[in-house]
Amino acid sequence: MAKAQRQNLSPEQQILMGIEQLAFSSLYVFNDRTNLTAQDMIDFLYYMQQSPQELLAEGSGKKASAKKSKLKSLDGDAFNNYQRTFLNYRRMLSEIYHITIDFKRNLIDGLNNHQKEYRQMCHDYLKSFSFNFDYNALNIWLDREQGRFEVLQRLFILKYFIKFGMLFSFDYEKLMSSTQTNRKIIPVAVTSRNGYLDVIGYEDGTDELKYYILSCISKIHSDLWDEFFKGKWNHDKTSSFNLQHFEENSPNARFQKPIQRYVFKLSGNSMHHFRNTFNIQYDILDQENDNEYVTIAFESADERFVKALMFDYGDWCRLLEPQSLVKSFNEKLAALTKHYKKK
């Protein structure tokens, strides 16, 4: 393989490269189902960053599970230089997170005894490519997976599926559901929303963008190595994605709920709490008894927020419109009252 022009990396980028060596090693080098080596890892990670088209041309059609999947090495001194450089990245990884990659023994050392550092590693890596970040949402995911290494592996895979716009196949289980379905998407971003970490992607064969909660992905079917060398990249979808435009204009960004106008009658105390807590544009329709009661109106597509507001404020507020929600809320309250009166 020809030598690509080398670019100096910042300390932060070097640490990220160390993290990616860790993820790649666990997926491929220390996996009995593949025949990839540490040398393949150096070639793949370096050229995927510096010259992906050159990497594609060299390894087109090669599969991770093939007996002779190995790429041609960086030539001569170039490989030795990059081998030393990648070793330095691993040293930084060990110093910061106390997790070591041992190629002589084919193992990763320190993960079980340094869960706090592993969580921080996942935090640092996700923050490097996500649009926005919720540390608590990541912790919920890590807690669900009991600190297993799959979280970092999945973040690594997602980063490069997003970077190259490759088809991503996975099994998915919706919240409040026990049924798993296979999904195929072109992922374009990872973001935080309403306490969840989500991947946003185009459903296969469509121009429709949807959210998928990362912790609800039960199994990944796509292989990073194999998909990369298929060369079916969709840069146009990833490069044109605009998160703000999506959140403001797509019904899928609003749980497919229409924007509705809500009218509330709030006590003075609850109004004081409302205006100092929520970043919502509202109109004051009426004020009674020297501001003892205030009637306001606002628009929202988030019905869950509105219902939570009604429960939180209790008899300090009353929903006046829309009547359809007033009716459904009364029915839900009646059902809950009946449920909790059961012995």
Protein backbone atom coordinates (compact mmCIF):
# COMPACT_ATOMS: atom_id res chain seq x y z
CA MET A 1 0.00 0.00 0.00
CA ALA A 2 1.35 3.43 -0.90
CA LYS A 3 2.28 5.77 1.87
CA ALA A 4 -0.35 8.38 2.69
CA GLN A 5 0.71 11.83 3.79
CA ARG A 6 1.03 11.83 7.54
CA GLN A 7 -0.90 14.33 9.63
CA ASN A 8 0.10 15.21 13.16
CA LEU A 9 -2.55 14.41 15.75
CA SER A 10 -3.35 16.44 18.84
CA PRO A 11 -3.04 14.72 22.26
CA GLU A 12 -6.83 14.36 22.35
CA GLN A 13 -6.84 12.72 18.91
CA GLN A 14 -4.04 10.38 19.97
CA ILE A 15 -6.08 9.26 22.98
CA LEU A 16 -9.06 8.62 20.71
CA MET A 17 -6.84 6.52 18.44
CA GLY A 18 -5.80 4.51 21.49
CA ILE A 19 -9.45 3.94 22.34
CA GLU A 20 -10.15 2.82 18.77
CA GLN A 21 -7.26 0.34 18.93
CA LEU A 22 -8.91 -1.08 22.02
CA ALA A 23 -12.30 -1.40 20.30
CA PHE A 24 -10.81 -2.82 17.08
CA SER A 25 -8.70 -5.36 18.96
CA SER A 26 -11.67 -6.66 20.92
CA LEU A 27 -13.80 -6.92 17.78
CA TYR A 28 -11.26 -8.45 15.40
CA VAL A 29 -7.72 -9.18 16.62
CA PHE A 30 -8.73 -11.14 19.74
CA ASN A 31 -11.74 -12.72 18.04
CA ASP A 32 -11.38 -16.35 16.94
CA ARG A 33 -13.91 -15.83 14.14
CA THR A 34 -11.60 -13.45 12.25
CA ASN A 35 -8.09 -13.66 10.90
CA LEU A 36 -7.10 -10.03 11.36
CA THR A 37 -3.89 -9.03 13.11
CA ALA A 38 -2.46 -6.03 14.92
CA GLN A 39 -0.80 -5.10 11.62
CA ASP A 40 -4.21 -5.09 9.90
CA MET A 41 -5.49 -2.88 12.70
CA ILE A 42 -2.74 -0.31 12.19
CA ASP A 43 -3.34 -0.23 8.44
CA PHE A 44 -7.11 -0.02 8.79
CA LEU A 45 -7.31 2.65 11.49
CA TYR A 46 -4.59 4.80 9.95
CA TYR A 47 -5.84 4.76 6.38
CA MET A 48 -9.50 5.01 7.38
CA GLN A 49 -8.57 8.37 8.91
CA GLN A 50 -6.00 9.61 6.41
CA SER A 51 -6.88 8.06 3.04
CA PRO A 52 -10.07 5.95 3.05
CA GLN A 53 -10.31 5.76 -0.75
CA GLU A 54 -6.81 4.30 -0.91
CA LEU A 55 -7.73 1.79 1.78
CA LEU A 56 -10.88 0.82 -0.12
CA ALA A 57 -8.97 0.29 -3.38
CA GLU A 58 -6.39 -1.90 -1.64
CA GLY A 59 -8.80 -4.11 0.29
CA SER A 60 -11.95 -4.07 -1.83
CA GLY A 61 -13.98 -7.25 -1.34
CA LYS A 62 -11.91 -8.58 1.56
CA LYS A 63 -13.86 -9.97 4.51
CA ALA A 64 -12.86 -10.03 8.14
CA SER A 65 -13.66 -13.74 8.40
CA ALA A 66 -11.74 -14.79 5.28
CA LYS A 67 -8.61 -16.88 5.71
CA LYS A 68 -6.52 -14.38 3.76
CA SER A 69 -8.15 -11.12 4.70
CA LYS A 70 -4.89 -9.40 5.56
CA LEU A 71 -4.13 -6.10 3.85
CA LYS A 72 -0.74 -5.24 2.48
CA SER A 73 1.23 -3.56 5.21
CA LEU A 74 2.50 -0.05 5.23
CA ASP A 75 5.83 -0.45 3.48
CA GLY A 76 9.15 -0.91 5.26
CA ASP A 77 10.12 1.85 7.64
CA ALA A 78 6.65 3.39 7.40
CA PHE A 79 5.08 0.40 9.15
CA ASN A 80 7.75 0.38 11.87
CA ASN A 81 7.23 4.09 12.46
CA TYR A 82 3.48 3.76 12.73
CA GLN A 83 3.81 0.66 14.87
CA ARG A 84 5.80 2.73 17.37
CA THR A 85 3.30 5.57 17.09
CA PHE A 86 0.35 3.27 17.75
CA LEU A 87 2.24 1.83 20.71
CA ASN A 88 2.46 5.34 22.15
CA TYR A 89 -1.31 5.68 21.77
CA ARG A 90 -1.78 2.49 23.77
CA ARG A 91 0.57 3.78 26.46
CA MET A 92 -1.53 6.92 26.78
CA LEU A 93 -4.62 4.73 27.04
CA SER A 94 -3.05 2.76 29.88
CA GLU A 95 -1.88 5.86 31.74
CA ILE A 96 -5.25 7.63 31.60
CA TYR A 97 -7.76 4.78 31.88
CA HIS A 98 -5.60 1.98 33.38
CA ILE A 99 -6.70 -0.41 30.63
CA THR A 100 -3.99 -2.21 28.64
CA ILE A 101 -3.98 -3.99 25.27
CA ASP A 102 -1.64 -6.99 25.38
CA PHE A 103 -1.04 -8.38 21.87
CA LYS A 104 1.41 -11.01 23.10
CA ARG A 105 -1.25 -12.65 25.26
CA ASN A 106 -4.22 -11.58 23.11
CA LEU A 107 -6.11 -9.95 25.93
CA ILE A 108 -7.36 -6.66 27.36
CA ASP A 109 -6.26 -6.13 30.94
CA GLY A 110 -7.77 -3.86 33.60
CA LEU A 111 -11.37 -3.61 32.42
CA ASN A 112 -12.95 -5.44 35.36
CA ASN A 113 -10.95 -3.56 37.99
CA HIS A 114 -11.31 -0.10 36.46
CA GLN A 115 -15.00 0.32 35.66
CA LYS A 116 -14.95 4.01 36.64
CA GLU A 117 -12.16 4.66 34.13
CA TYR A 118 -13.95 2.58 31.50
CA ARG A 119 -17.07 4.72 31.91
CA GLN A 120 -14.97 7.84 31.53
CA MET A 121 -13.42 6.37 28.38
CA CYS A 122 -16.87 5.79 26.88
CA HIS A 123 -17.82 9.33 27.90
CA ASP A 124 -14.75 10.83 26.22
CA TYR A 125 -15.16 8.80 23.06
CA LEU A 126 -18.88 9.46 22.61
CA LYS A 127 -18.42 13.16 23.29
CA SER A 128 -15.89 13.34 20.43
CA PHE A 129 -18.48 12.64 17.72
CA SER A 130 -22.00 13.07 19.15
CA PHE A 131 -24.03 16.22 18.48
CA ASN A 132 -24.85 16.68 22.15
CA PHE A 133 -24.20 14.55 25.16
CA ASP A 134 -26.02 13.36 28.28
CA TYR A 135 -23.72 11.68 30.79
CA ASN A 136 -26.66 10.26 32.78
CA ALA A 137 -28.10 8.64 29.65
CA LEU A 138 -24.75 6.97 28.95
CA ASN A 139 -24.59 5.74 32.55
CA ILE A 140 -28.06 4.20 32.24
CA TRP A 141 -26.88 2.34 29.15
CA LEU A 142 -23.68 1.19 30.86
CA ASP A 143 -25.65 0.07 33.92
CA ARG A 144 -28.01 -1.94 31.73
CA GLU A 145 -25.06 -3.63 30.01
CA GLN A 146 -23.38 -4.15 33.41
CA GLY A 147 -20.24 -2.38 32.24
CA ARG A 148 -19.67 -4.80 29.39
CA PHE A 149 -17.28 -3.95 26.59
CA GLU A 150 -20.05 -4.00 23.98
CA VAL A 151 -20.89 -0.35 24.72
CA LEU A 152 -17.51 0.91 23.52
CA GLN A 153 -17.56 -1.50 20.58
CA ARG A 154 -20.95 -0.21 19.46
CA LEU A 155 -19.87 3.42 19.77
CA PHE A 156 -16.80 2.68 17.65
CA ILE A 157 -18.88 0.91 15.01
CA LEU A 158 -21.48 3.68 14.94
CA LYS A 159 -18.90 6.43 14.56
CA TYR A 160 -17.61 4.99 11.29
CA PHE A 161 -20.98 3.89 9.94
CA ILE A 162 -21.99 7.53 10.38
CA LYS A 163 -18.72 8.85 8.93
CA PHE A 164 -19.12 6.88 5.70
CA GLY A 165 -22.91 6.64 5.57
CA MET A 166 -22.97 2.84 5.45
CA LEU A 167 -26.03 0.61 5.82
CA PHE A 168 -26.42 -0.41 9.47
CA SER A 169 -28.47 -3.51 10.34
CA PHE A 170 -29.55 -4.29 13.90
CA ASP A 171 -32.27 -5.84 16.06
CA TYR A 172 -34.36 -3.29 17.95
CA GLU A 173 -36.80 -3.51 20.85
CA LYS A 174 -38.99 -0.46 21.37
CA LEU A 175 -39.62 0.94 24.82
CA MET A 176 -42.66 -0.69 26.47
CA SER A 177 -42.42 -3.59 24.01
CA SER A 178 -41.09 -7.14 24.19
CA THR A 179 -40.94 -7.64 20.42
CA GLN A 180 -37.66 -7.35 18.52
CA THR A 181 -37.58 -6.27 14.90
CA ASN A 182 -34.74 -5.99 12.42
CA ARG A 183 -33.99 -2.46 11.27
CA LYS A 184 -31.74 -1.21 8.49
CA ILE A 185 -30.77 2.45 8.44
CA ILE A 186 -28.18 4.88 7.15
CA PRO A 187 -27.10 6.49 10.45
CA VAL A 188 -26.29 10.20 10.38
CA ALA A 189 -25.86 11.29 14.01
CA VAL A 190 -25.82 10.35 17.68
CA THR A 191 -27.56 12.77 20.01
CA SER A 192 -29.21 13.08 23.43
CA ARG A 193 -32.94 13.65 23.77
CA ASN A 194 -35.30 13.45 26.74
CA GLY A 195 -32.83 11.47 28.84
CA TYR A 196 -31.94 8.97 26.10
CA LEU A 197 -29.00 8.47 23.77
CA ASP A 198 -30.27 8.12 20.22
CA VAL A 199 -28.92 7.34 16.80
CA ILE A 200 -30.73 9.23 14.04
CA GLY A 201 -30.91 7.49 10.69
CA TYR A 202 -32.65 7.15 7.35
CA GLU A 203 -34.74 4.00 7.06
CA ASP A 204 -33.31 1.84 4.28
CA GLY A 205 -34.64 2.85 0.89
CA THR A 206 -36.39 5.98 2.15
CA ASP A 207 -35.69 9.64 2.88
CA GLU A 208 -37.38 9.37 6.28
CA LEU A 209 -35.30 10.14 9.37
CA LYS A 210 -36.11 8.51 12.71
CA TYR A 211 -34.72 8.21 16.23
CA TYR A 212 -33.52 4.89 17.65
CA ILE A 213 -32.56 4.59 21.33
CA LEU A 214 -29.07 3.10 21.60
CA SER A 215 -29.81 1.03 24.69
CA CYS A 216 -32.76 -0.60 22.83
CA ILE A 217 -30.45 -2.03 20.16
CA SER A 218 -30.16 -5.67 21.20
CA LYS A 219 -27.87 -6.99 18.46
CA ILE A 220 -25.81 -5.53 15.61
CA HIS A 221 -25.68 -7.56 12.40
CA SER A 222 -23.50 -5.26 10.29
CA ASP A 223 -19.74 -5.71 10.33
CA LEU A 224 -17.62 -2.55 10.12
CA TRP A 225 -14.77 -4.15 8.16
CA ASP A 226 -17.02 -5.91 5.66
CA GLU A 227 -19.31 -2.92 5.08
CA PHE A 228 -16.37 -0.55 4.63
CA PHE A 229 -14.85 -2.69 1.88
CA LYS A 230 -18.18 -3.01 0.06
CA GLY A 231 -17.65 0.67 -0.74
CA LYS A 232 -21.37 1.50 -0.59
CA TRP A 233 -20.94 4.86 1.08
CA ASN A 234 -23.66 7.52 1.32
CA HIS A 235 -21.73 10.69 2.08
CA ASP A 236 -24.55 12.82 0.65
CA LYS A 237 -26.94 11.74 3.42
CA THR A 238 -24.51 12.24 6.27
CA SER A 239 -22.97 15.51 5.06
CA SER A 240 -26.34 17.15 4.40
CA PHE A 241 -27.86 16.30 7.78
CA ASN A 242 -28.87 19.31 9.89
CA LEU A 243 -29.93 18.44 13.45
CA GLN A 244 -31.67 21.75 14.15
CA HIS A 245 -33.70 21.56 10.94
CA PHE A 246 -34.66 17.96 11.70
CA GLU A 247 -35.79 18.73 15.26
CA GLU A 248 -37.80 21.77 14.18
CA ASN A 249 -39.46 20.34 11.07
CA SER A 250 -39.70 16.56 11.16
CA PRO A 251 -42.78 14.94 12.76
CA ASN A 252 -40.50 12.03 13.77
CA ALA A 253 -38.54 14.45 15.96
CA ARG A 254 -41.79 15.16 17.81
CA PHE A 255 -42.82 11.52 18.36
CA GLN A 256 -45.04 11.95 15.26
CA LYS A 257 -47.42 14.09 17.36
CA PRO A 258 -48.88 17.25 15.85
CA ILE A 259 -48.24 20.62 17.42
CA GLN A 260 -51.22 21.56 19.58
CA ARG A 261 -52.32 24.65 21.43
CA TYR A 262 -52.75 24.14 25.18
CA VAL A 263 -54.58 26.48 27.55
CA PHE A 264 -53.86 26.25 31.28
CA LYS A 265 -55.21 28.10 34.28
CA LEU A 266 -52.40 28.32 36.83
CA SER A 267 -52.26 29.60 40.38
CA GLY A 268 -49.85 32.44 41.04
CA ASN A 269 -47.33 30.10 42.68
CA SER A 270 -47.38 27.54 39.89
CA MET A 271 -47.12 30.33 37.30
CA HIS A 272 -44.03 31.63 39.07
CA HIS A 273 -42.52 28.12 38.92
CA PHE A 274 -43.53 27.67 35.26
CA ARG A 275 -41.94 30.87 33.98
CA ASN A 276 -38.70 30.22 35.87
CA THR A 277 -38.38 26.54 34.93
CA PHE A 278 -39.44 25.98 31.33
CA ASN A 279 -38.09 27.60 28.18
CA ILE A 280 -41.48 27.88 26.49
CA GLN A 281 -43.03 30.77 24.61
CA TYR A 282 -46.51 31.45 26.02
CA ASP A 283 -49.28 34.06 25.87
CA ILE A 284 -51.12 35.39 28.92
CA LEU A 285 -54.84 35.28 28.16
CA ASP A 286 -56.27 36.38 31.49
CA GLN A 287 -55.28 37.36 35.03
CA GLU A 288 -57.60 37.14 38.04
CA ASN A 289 -57.57 38.52 41.56
CA ASP A 290 -54.32 40.43 41.36
CA ASN A 291 -52.47 37.59 39.58
CA GLU A 292 -53.77 34.94 41.99
CA TYR A 293 -54.73 32.98 38.88
CA VAL A 294 -53.21 33.31 35.40
CA THR A 295 -54.54 31.74 32.19
CA ILE A 296 -51.84 31.02 29.62
CA ALA A 297 -51.64 29.40 26.18
CA PHE A 298 -48.66 27.74 24.51
CA GLU A 299 -47.95 25.37 21.63
CA SER A 300 -46.17 22.04 21.96
CA ALA A 301 -45.76 18.71 20.19
CA ASP A 302 -44.75 16.97 23.42
CA GLU A 303 -47.92 15.58 24.99
CA ARG A 304 -45.87 13.74 27.61
CA PHE A 305 -44.53 17.04 28.90
CA VAL A 306 -48.06 18.45 29.15
CA LYS A 307 -49.32 15.42 31.10
CA ALA A 308 -46.32 15.56 33.41
CA LEU A 309 -47.06 19.24 34.03
CA MET A 310 -50.64 18.38 35.02
CA PHE A 311 -49.51 15.69 37.46
CA ASP A 312 -46.74 17.82 38.95
CA TYR A 313 -48.89 20.90 39.54
CA GLY A 314 -51.94 18.92 40.67
CA ASP A 315 -54.77 21.18 41.89
CA TRP A 316 -52.57 24.24 41.38
CA CYS A 317 -53.48 24.12 37.69
CA ARG A 318 -56.33 23.19 35.36
CA LEU A 319 -56.12 22.27 31.70
CA LEU A 320 -58.84 24.08 29.74
CA GLU A 321 -57.97 23.14 26.14
CA PRO A 322 -57.91 20.95 24.13
CA GLN A 323 -61.01 19.19 25.39
CA SER A 324 -59.87 15.88 23.90
CA LEU A 325 -56.90 15.81 26.28
CA VAL A 326 -59.06 16.95 29.22
CA LYS A 327 -61.34 13.98 28.55
CA SER A 328 -58.50 11.42 28.18
CA PHE A 329 -56.79 12.77 31.31
CA ASN A 330 -59.99 12.38 33.33
CA GLU A 331 -60.36 8.82 32.07
CA LYS A 332 -56.77 8.01 32.99
CA LEU A 333 -57.20 9.50 36.47
CA ALA A 334 -60.36 7.42 37.00
CA ALA A 335 -58.53 4.26 35.91
CA LEU A 336 -55.57 5.03 38.17
CA THR A 337 -57.86 5.73 41.12
CA LYS A 338 -59.59 2.39 40.57
CA HIS A 339 -56.25 0.63 40.21
CA TYR A 340 -54.84 1.97 43.47
CA LYS A 341 -58.03 1.24 45.41
CA LYS A 342 -57.54 -2.47 44.73
CA LYS A 343 -56.59 -4.45 47.81
